Amino acid sequence: MSFNDRPKRPRPGPLSHLQHDADSDEYGPSRTQLKRESDALQKLGEDLLTLPDSRLNALQMPETLRFALRDAKKITAHGAKRRQLQYIGKLMRGVEAEPLHEAVAAFRLGHAQDQLRLHKLEHVRTQLIDSDEALQTYIEQHPGVDVQQLRSLVRSARKDASANPEARSGRGFRELFQFLKEQPEAEDAA
């Protein structure tokens, strides 16, 4: 049998592979959709790496995934980190992702709320240093506050501010901020 005598097989058309991907109902999810889902799970794995170990340990997940996440935190080489993240994404295919999404979102929300509280405290500190009226208002709004210590810290912070107005980071500033942070209702002040 020569080359020319062989039976010819029909060749697929140039777009035949797209017909299966476009019609995901009959053939299942498209490769593009599977890739998106895989990338989303890998991104969730990266987000899980931002959680502290105490939060990770509280989550329900297989031990292999927990160990893979722990190992990924130790890896510093770029290529190795990328491969480990791909492995985490693979492990995540068999895990219910919704509780993990919720845990990451809750952590980020808590972190954002903490940051907002600190910004409010900085604003309160600035007001206390700038004005005696703000100091009096703060004392009225916080009946349990140690007034003597607060006035002493405000005086110290004002002294730091007058000594070096550009650099507001003296000891009095820090101590006043720590004092405000320890107060239970400090974020509701003036």
Protein backbone atom coordinates (compact mmCIF):
# COMPACT_ATOMS: atom_id res chain seq x y z
CA MET A 1 0.00 0.00 0.00
CA SER A 2 1.50 3.25 -1.03
CA PHE A 3 1.10 6.61 0.53
CA ASN A 4 -1.53 7.69 -1.98
CA ASP A 5 -3.63 4.54 -1.50
CA ARG A 6 -4.26 5.07 2.23
CA PRO A 7 -7.78 6.08 3.21
CA LYS A 8 -8.05 9.72 4.15
CA ARG A 9 -9.38 10.69 7.58
CA PRO A 10 -11.60 13.72 7.81
CA ARG A 11 -9.74 16.63 9.29
CA PRO A 12 -11.47 18.79 11.85
CA GLY A 13 -12.31 22.31 10.77
CA PRO A 14 -10.35 25.28 12.12
CA LEU A 15 -13.06 26.21 14.65
CA SER A 16 -14.27 22.74 15.65
CA HIS A 17 -12.63 22.99 19.10
CA LEU A 18 -14.61 26.17 19.81
CA GLN A 19 -17.93 24.49 19.16
CA HIS A 20 -17.50 22.29 22.22
CA ASP A 21 -16.36 25.20 24.44
CA ALA A 22 -19.17 27.52 23.41
CA ASP A 23 -21.90 24.98 24.07
CA SER A 24 -21.23 24.32 27.75
CA ASP A 25 -24.67 22.84 28.46
CA GLU A 26 -24.17 19.74 26.31
CA TYR A 27 -20.46 19.21 26.86
CA GLY A 28 -20.02 20.52 30.41
CA PRO A 29 -18.17 23.69 31.42
CA SER A 30 -15.80 25.18 28.90
CA ARG A 31 -12.06 25.09 29.38
CA THR A 32 -12.13 28.84 29.87
CA GLN A 33 -14.67 28.51 32.67
CA LEU A 34 -12.63 25.74 34.30
CA LYS A 35 -9.52 27.93 34.10
CA ARG A 36 -11.38 30.87 35.68
CA GLU A 37 -12.56 28.66 38.53
CA SER A 38 -9.07 27.29 39.02
CA ASP A 39 -7.59 30.81 39.07
CA ALA A 40 -10.25 31.93 41.55
CA LEU A 41 -9.38 29.05 43.89
CA GLN A 42 -5.69 29.86 43.58
CA LYS A 43 -6.44 33.53 44.39
CA LEU A 44 -8.44 32.40 47.42
CA GLY A 45 -5.40 30.38 48.48
CA GLU A 46 -3.26 33.53 48.21
CA ASP A 47 -5.83 35.40 50.31
CA LEU A 48 -5.73 32.64 52.93
CA LEU A 49 -1.99 33.23 53.24
CA THR A 50 -2.73 36.72 54.59
CA LEU A 51 -4.65 35.28 57.54
CA PRO A 52 -2.79 34.80 60.80
CA ASP A 53 -2.16 31.21 61.89
CA SER A 54 -4.72 31.48 64.68
CA ARG A 55 -7.47 32.22 62.14
CA LEU A 56 -6.29 29.48 59.77
CA ASN A 57 -6.32 26.90 62.56
CA ALA A 58 -9.91 27.80 63.40
CA LEU A 59 -11.12 27.08 59.84
CA GLN A 60 -12.47 23.69 58.80
CA MET A 61 -10.18 22.40 56.05
CA PRO A 62 -8.24 19.25 55.23
CA GLU A 63 -4.88 18.86 56.93
CA THR A 64 -3.08 18.65 53.57
CA LEU A 65 -4.37 22.11 52.67
CA ARG A 66 -3.44 23.46 56.10
CA PHE A 67 0.10 22.09 55.73
CA ALA A 68 0.37 23.44 52.18
CA LEU A 69 -0.64 26.91 53.39
CA ARG A 70 1.84 26.73 56.27
CA ASP A 71 4.61 25.69 53.87
CA ALA A 72 3.70 28.45 51.40
CA LYS A 73 4.22 31.07 54.11
CA LYS A 74 7.80 29.85 54.53
CA ILE A 75 8.71 29.80 50.83
CA THR A 76 10.51 32.90 49.57
CA ALA A 77 11.68 31.86 46.07
CA HIS A 78 9.36 33.22 43.38
CA GLY A 79 9.11 30.06 41.27
CA ALA A 80 8.66 27.79 44.25
CA LYS A 81 6.02 30.10 45.68
CA ARG A 82 4.13 30.06 42.37
CA ARG A 83 4.21 26.25 42.23
CA GLN A 84 3.06 26.01 45.84
CA LEU A 85 0.15 28.36 45.09
CA GLN A 86 -0.81 26.18 42.13
CA TYR A 87 -0.72 23.16 44.44
CA ILE A 88 -2.91 25.00 46.95
CA GLY A 89 -5.35 25.81 44.13
CA LYS A 90 -5.44 22.13 43.21
CA LEU A 91 -6.12 21.14 46.81
CA MET A 92 -8.86 23.75 47.05
CA ARG A 93 -10.87 22.05 44.29
CA GLY A 94 -12.02 19.45 46.81
CA VAL A 95 -12.89 21.96 49.55
CA GLU A 96 -16.04 23.99 50.12
CA ALA A 97 -14.75 27.47 49.22
CA GLU A 98 -17.59 29.61 50.61
CA PRO A 99 -16.60 29.39 54.32
CA LEU A 100 -13.02 30.22 53.36
CA HIS A 101 -14.20 33.26 51.37
CA GLU A 102 -16.24 34.37 54.38
CA ALA A 103 -13.26 33.98 56.72
CA VAL A 104 -11.03 36.10 54.48
CA ALA A 105 -13.75 38.76 54.11
CA ALA A 106 -14.34 38.85 57.87
CA PHE A 107 -10.62 39.25 58.52
CA ARG A 108 -10.34 42.09 56.01
CA LEU A 109 -13.41 43.82 57.43
CA GLY A 110 -12.05 43.56 60.97
CA HIS A 111 -8.70 44.92 59.84
CA ALA A 112 -10.41 47.81 58.05
CA GLN A 113 -12.47 48.59 61.16
CA ASP A 114 -9.32 48.59 63.29
CA GLN A 115 -7.65 50.98 60.87
CA LEU A 116 -10.70 53.26 60.91
CA ARG A 117 -10.69 53.29 64.72
CA LEU A 118 -6.99 54.22 64.78
CA HIS A 119 -7.58 57.08 62.33
CA LYS A 120 -10.41 58.37 64.49
CA LEU A 121 -8.17 58.20 67.56
CA GLU A 122 -5.48 60.18 65.73
CA HIS A 123 -8.08 62.81 64.90
CA VAL A 124 -9.23 62.95 68.55
CA ARG A 125 -5.60 63.28 69.69
CA THR A 126 -5.05 66.18 67.29
CA GLN A 127 -8.19 67.90 68.54
CA LEU A 128 -7.18 67.43 72.18
CA ILE A 129 -3.77 68.97 71.52
CA ASP A 130 -5.17 71.88 69.51
CA SER A 131 -8.02 72.97 71.75
CA ASP A 132 -8.96 73.16 75.42
CA GLU A 133 -12.62 73.03 74.38
CA ALA A 134 -12.07 69.62 72.75
CA LEU A 135 -10.36 68.44 75.94
CA GLN A 136 -13.33 69.54 78.04
CA THR A 137 -15.78 67.93 75.60
CA TYR A 138 -13.82 64.67 75.72
CA ILE A 139 -13.87 64.68 79.53
CA GLU A 140 -17.64 65.28 79.53
CA GLN A 141 -18.25 62.46 77.04
CA HIS A 142 -16.07 60.00 78.98
CA PRO A 143 -17.04 60.21 82.66
CA GLY A 144 -14.74 57.33 83.71
CA VAL A 145 -11.56 58.82 82.25
CA ASP A 146 -8.63 59.67 84.51
CA VAL A 147 -8.78 63.46 84.05
CA GLN A 148 -5.49 64.19 85.78
CA GLN A 149 -3.54 61.75 83.64
CA LEU A 150 -5.29 62.93 80.47
CA ARG A 151 -4.47 66.60 81.18
CA SER A 152 -0.85 65.66 81.94
CA LEU A 153 -0.53 63.73 78.66
CA VAL A 154 -2.12 66.56 76.68
CA ARG A 155 0.31 69.06 78.28
CA SER A 156 3.24 66.81 77.41
CA ALA A 157 2.05 66.41 73.81
CA ARG A 158 1.55 70.18 73.48
CA LYS A 159 5.08 70.71 74.75
CA ASP A 160 6.39 68.27 72.12
CA ALA A 161 4.40 70.10 69.43
CA SER A 162 5.72 73.51 70.43
CA ALA A 163 9.32 72.26 70.54
CA ASN A 164 9.23 70.78 67.05
CA PRO A 165 6.01 71.59 65.13
CA GLU A 166 6.99 69.68 61.95
CA ALA A 167 7.69 66.36 63.66
CA ARG A 168 4.68 65.42 65.75
CA SER A 169 6.04 62.13 66.95
CA GLY A 170 7.44 62.86 70.38
CA ARG A 171 6.95 60.78 73.48
CA GLY A 172 3.96 62.84 74.62
CA PHE A 173 2.18 62.20 71.31
CA ARG A 174 2.72 58.45 71.57
CA GLU A 175 1.69 58.26 75.23
CA LEU A 176 -1.47 60.28 74.61
CA PHE A 177 -2.39 58.01 71.72
CA GLN A 178 -1.85 54.88 73.83
CA PHE A 179 -3.99 56.38 76.59
CA LEU A 180 -6.81 57.11 74.13
CA LYS A 181 -6.53 53.63 72.65
CA GLU A 182 -7.09 52.07 76.07
CA GLN A 183 -10.27 54.08 76.67
CA PRO A 184 -13.41 52.01 75.94
CA GLU A 185 -15.39 54.68 74.05
CA ALA A 186 -12.53 56.77 72.64
CA GLU A 187 -13.76 56.57 69.04
CA ASP A 188 -17.02 58.39 69.92
CA ALA A 189 -15.23 61.50 71.16
CA ALA A 190 -15.54 64.98 69.65
